[in-house]
Protein backbone atom coordinates (compact mmCIF):
# COMPACT_ATOMS: atom_id res chain seq x y z
CA MET A 1 26.67 -10.69 2.94
CA LYS A 2 30.34 -10.32 4.01
CA LEU A 3 32.39 -7.84 2.08
CA ILE A 4 35.85 -6.36 2.00
CA LEU A 5 35.74 -2.61 1.42
CA THR A 6 38.01 -1.29 -1.24
CA HIS A 7 37.12 2.46 -0.85
CA GLU A 8 35.90 4.54 2.20
CA VAL A 9 32.21 4.40 2.81
CA ASP A 10 30.48 6.84 5.07
CA GLY A 11 28.97 5.13 8.14
CA LEU A 12 30.44 1.57 7.03
CA GLY A 13 34.13 1.73 7.34
CA ALA A 14 37.51 2.17 5.49
CA PRO A 15 39.32 0.32 2.87
CA GLY A 16 40.55 -3.03 4.07
CA ASP A 17 37.60 -3.45 6.46
CA VAL A 18 35.60 -6.53 6.59
CA VAL A 19 31.93 -5.72 6.98
CA GLU A 20 28.57 -7.61 7.10
CA VAL A 21 25.72 -5.79 5.06
CA LYS A 22 22.38 -6.76 3.85
CA ASP A 23 22.40 -8.60 0.62
CA GLY A 24 20.61 -5.95 -1.51
CA TYR A 25 23.08 -3.12 -0.35
CA GLY A 26 26.02 -4.91 -1.25
CA ARG A 27 24.75 -6.53 -4.57
CA ASN A 28 23.04 -3.44 -5.95
CA TYR A 29 25.26 -0.55 -4.41
CA LEU A 30 28.72 -1.43 -3.09
CA LEU A 31 29.80 -4.17 -5.59
CA PRO A 32 28.68 -2.54 -8.85
CA ARG A 33 30.52 0.77 -7.95
CA GLY A 34 33.60 -1.08 -6.99
CA PHE A 35 33.29 0.02 -3.30
CA ALA A 36 33.80 -3.58 -2.16
CA ILE A 37 34.65 -7.10 -3.14
CA ARG A 38 33.30 -10.23 -1.95
CA TRP A 39 34.93 -11.72 1.16
CA THR A 40 36.78 -15.07 0.76
CA ARG A 41 39.31 -16.92 2.78
CA GLY A 42 41.86 -16.23 0.31
CA GLY A 43 40.87 -12.49 0.40
CA GLN A 44 43.21 -11.82 3.43
CA LYS A 45 46.14 -11.11 1.17
CA GLN A 46 43.95 -8.53 -0.55
CA ILE A 47 43.00 -7.01 2.66
CA ASP A 48 46.55 -6.87 4.06
CA SER A 49 47.53 -5.13 0.70
CA ILE A 50 44.73 -2.61 1.07
CA ARG A 51 45.62 -1.77 4.50
CA ARG A 52 49.31 -1.30 3.72
CA ALA A 53 48.48 1.18 0.86
CA ARG A 54 45.97 3.02 3.25
CA GLN A 55 48.69 3.45 5.84
CA ALA A 56 51.15 4.84 3.46
CA ARG A 57 48.58 7.46 2.37
CA ASP A 58 46.99 8.24 5.74
CA ILE A 59 48.29 11.12 7.81
CA ARG A 60 50.18 9.58 10.77
CA THR A 61 49.14 11.41 13.95
CA LEU A 62 46.40 13.62 15.32
CA GLU A 63 48.72 16.29 15.76
CA GLU A 64 50.05 16.28 12.18
CA ALA A 65 46.46 16.39 11.07
CA GLU A 66 45.67 19.44 13.12
CA GLN A 67 48.58 21.17 11.74
CA ILE A 68 47.50 20.63 8.22
CA ALA A 69 43.91 21.58 9.16
CA GLU A 70 45.24 24.93 10.43
CA ARG A 71 47.09 25.41 7.17
CA LEU A 72 43.92 24.74 5.14
CA ARG A 73 41.74 26.94 7.05
CA SER A 74 44.18 29.96 6.57
CA LEU A 75 44.36 29.22 2.75
CA ARG A 76 42.58 31.27 0.21
CA VAL A 77 41.67 28.77 -2.77
CA GLU A 78 40.58 30.22 -5.92
CA LEU A 79 39.48 28.14 -9.01
CA ALA A 80 38.64 29.52 -12.46
CA ARG A 81 36.03 27.86 -14.49
CA ARG A 82 34.34 28.85 -17.76
CA ALA A 83 30.90 30.32 -16.81
CA GLY A 84 27.84 31.60 -18.79
CA ASP A 85 25.56 34.42 -18.18
CA GLY A 86 24.23 34.61 -14.64
CA GLY A 87 27.23 32.97 -13.17
CA ARG A 88 26.26 29.32 -14.05
CA LEU A 89 29.19 26.93 -14.71
CA PHE A 90 29.37 24.87 -17.95
CA GLY A 91 29.62 21.63 -15.85
CA SER A 92 30.57 21.30 -12.24
CA VAL A 93 33.50 21.43 -9.92
CA ASN A 94 34.39 17.89 -8.60
CA ALA A 95 36.79 16.74 -5.78
CA ALA A 96 39.76 16.38 -8.24
CA ASP A 97 39.45 20.07 -9.38
CA VAL A 98 39.30 21.06 -5.42
CA ALA A 99 42.47 19.00 -4.82
CA SER A 100 44.45 20.48 -7.57
CA ALA A 101 43.23 24.07 -6.54
CA VAL A 102 44.40 23.44 -2.96
CA THR A 103 47.82 22.20 -4.23
CA THR A 104 48.04 25.45 -6.67
CA ALA A 105 47.06 27.75 -3.94
CA GLY A 106 50.27 26.57 -1.76
CA GLY A 107 48.49 24.14 0.42
CA PRO A 108 49.43 20.52 1.08
CA GLN A 109 48.60 17.72 -1.37
CA VAL A 110 45.14 16.41 -0.47
CA ASP A 111 43.72 13.06 -1.52
CA LYS A 112 40.48 13.70 -3.65
CA ARG A 113 38.76 10.79 -2.00
CA ARG A 114 38.97 12.89 1.16
CA ILE A 115 37.09 15.92 -0.11
CA GLU A 116 33.33 16.12 0.67
CA ILE A 117 31.29 18.44 -1.65
CA ARG A 118 27.62 18.26 -0.14
CA ASN A 119 25.75 19.95 -2.99
CA PRO A 120 27.31 20.15 -6.61
CA ILE A 121 29.09 23.37 -7.22
CA LYS A 122 27.64 24.66 -10.37
CA SER A 123 27.77 28.52 -10.12
CA VAL A 124 30.60 31.13 -9.31
CA GLY A 125 30.90 32.51 -5.95
CA GLU A 126 32.19 31.33 -2.59
CA HIS A 127 31.56 27.70 -1.49
CA LYS A 128 32.52 25.63 1.70
CA VAL A 129 34.17 22.49 1.04
CA ARG A 130 34.92 19.94 3.80
CA ILE A 131 38.24 17.85 3.68
CA ARG A 132 38.71 14.78 6.11
CA LEU A 133 42.27 14.69 7.22
CA HIS A 134 41.92 12.16 9.99
CA PRO A 135 38.93 10.18 11.48
CA GLU A 136 38.99 12.88 14.37
CA VAL A 137 39.97 16.03 12.34
CA SER A 138 38.44 17.67 9.35
CA ALA A 139 39.07 21.13 7.86
CA THR A 140 36.45 23.53 5.97
CA ILE A 141 37.83 25.63 3.18
CA ALA A 142 36.39 28.52 1.41
CA LEU A 143 36.66 27.82 -2.40
CA GLU A 144 36.22 30.85 -4.70
CA VAL A 145 34.91 29.84 -8.07
CA VAL A 146 35.43 32.74 -10.52
CA GLY A 147 34.46 32.77 -14.13
CA ASP A 148 36.84 32.89 -17.02
């Protein structure tokens, strides 16, 4: 099955890429979640608009990505959440929460789609969060979740 990616999918590609995947993976995972659309000959216009939007959003150079990574590594990010007894959070911390906390802490504006949270953050304490800035550069920040 030939698809056009609309979101970044790990191990598959970036938005605007045309990929060939197995029918079940495309039909049962990528299409229902909106990660891809079916490829058609007329879809080339969609590919071009997706690529233009991605280029406007992406960090331009490797050097710029390295500079931003250094700023993020030295940043102390704290996020206040409502917690119960024993430090368990009511709900969990998502990528949008982390992006807003980084900006509040004085860091650069980070796209929430570039934030990787491996295990759901459901407790107070320090957690490691990875941010992909460039295909070759990523930064790991220490996120301190405190209870209200």
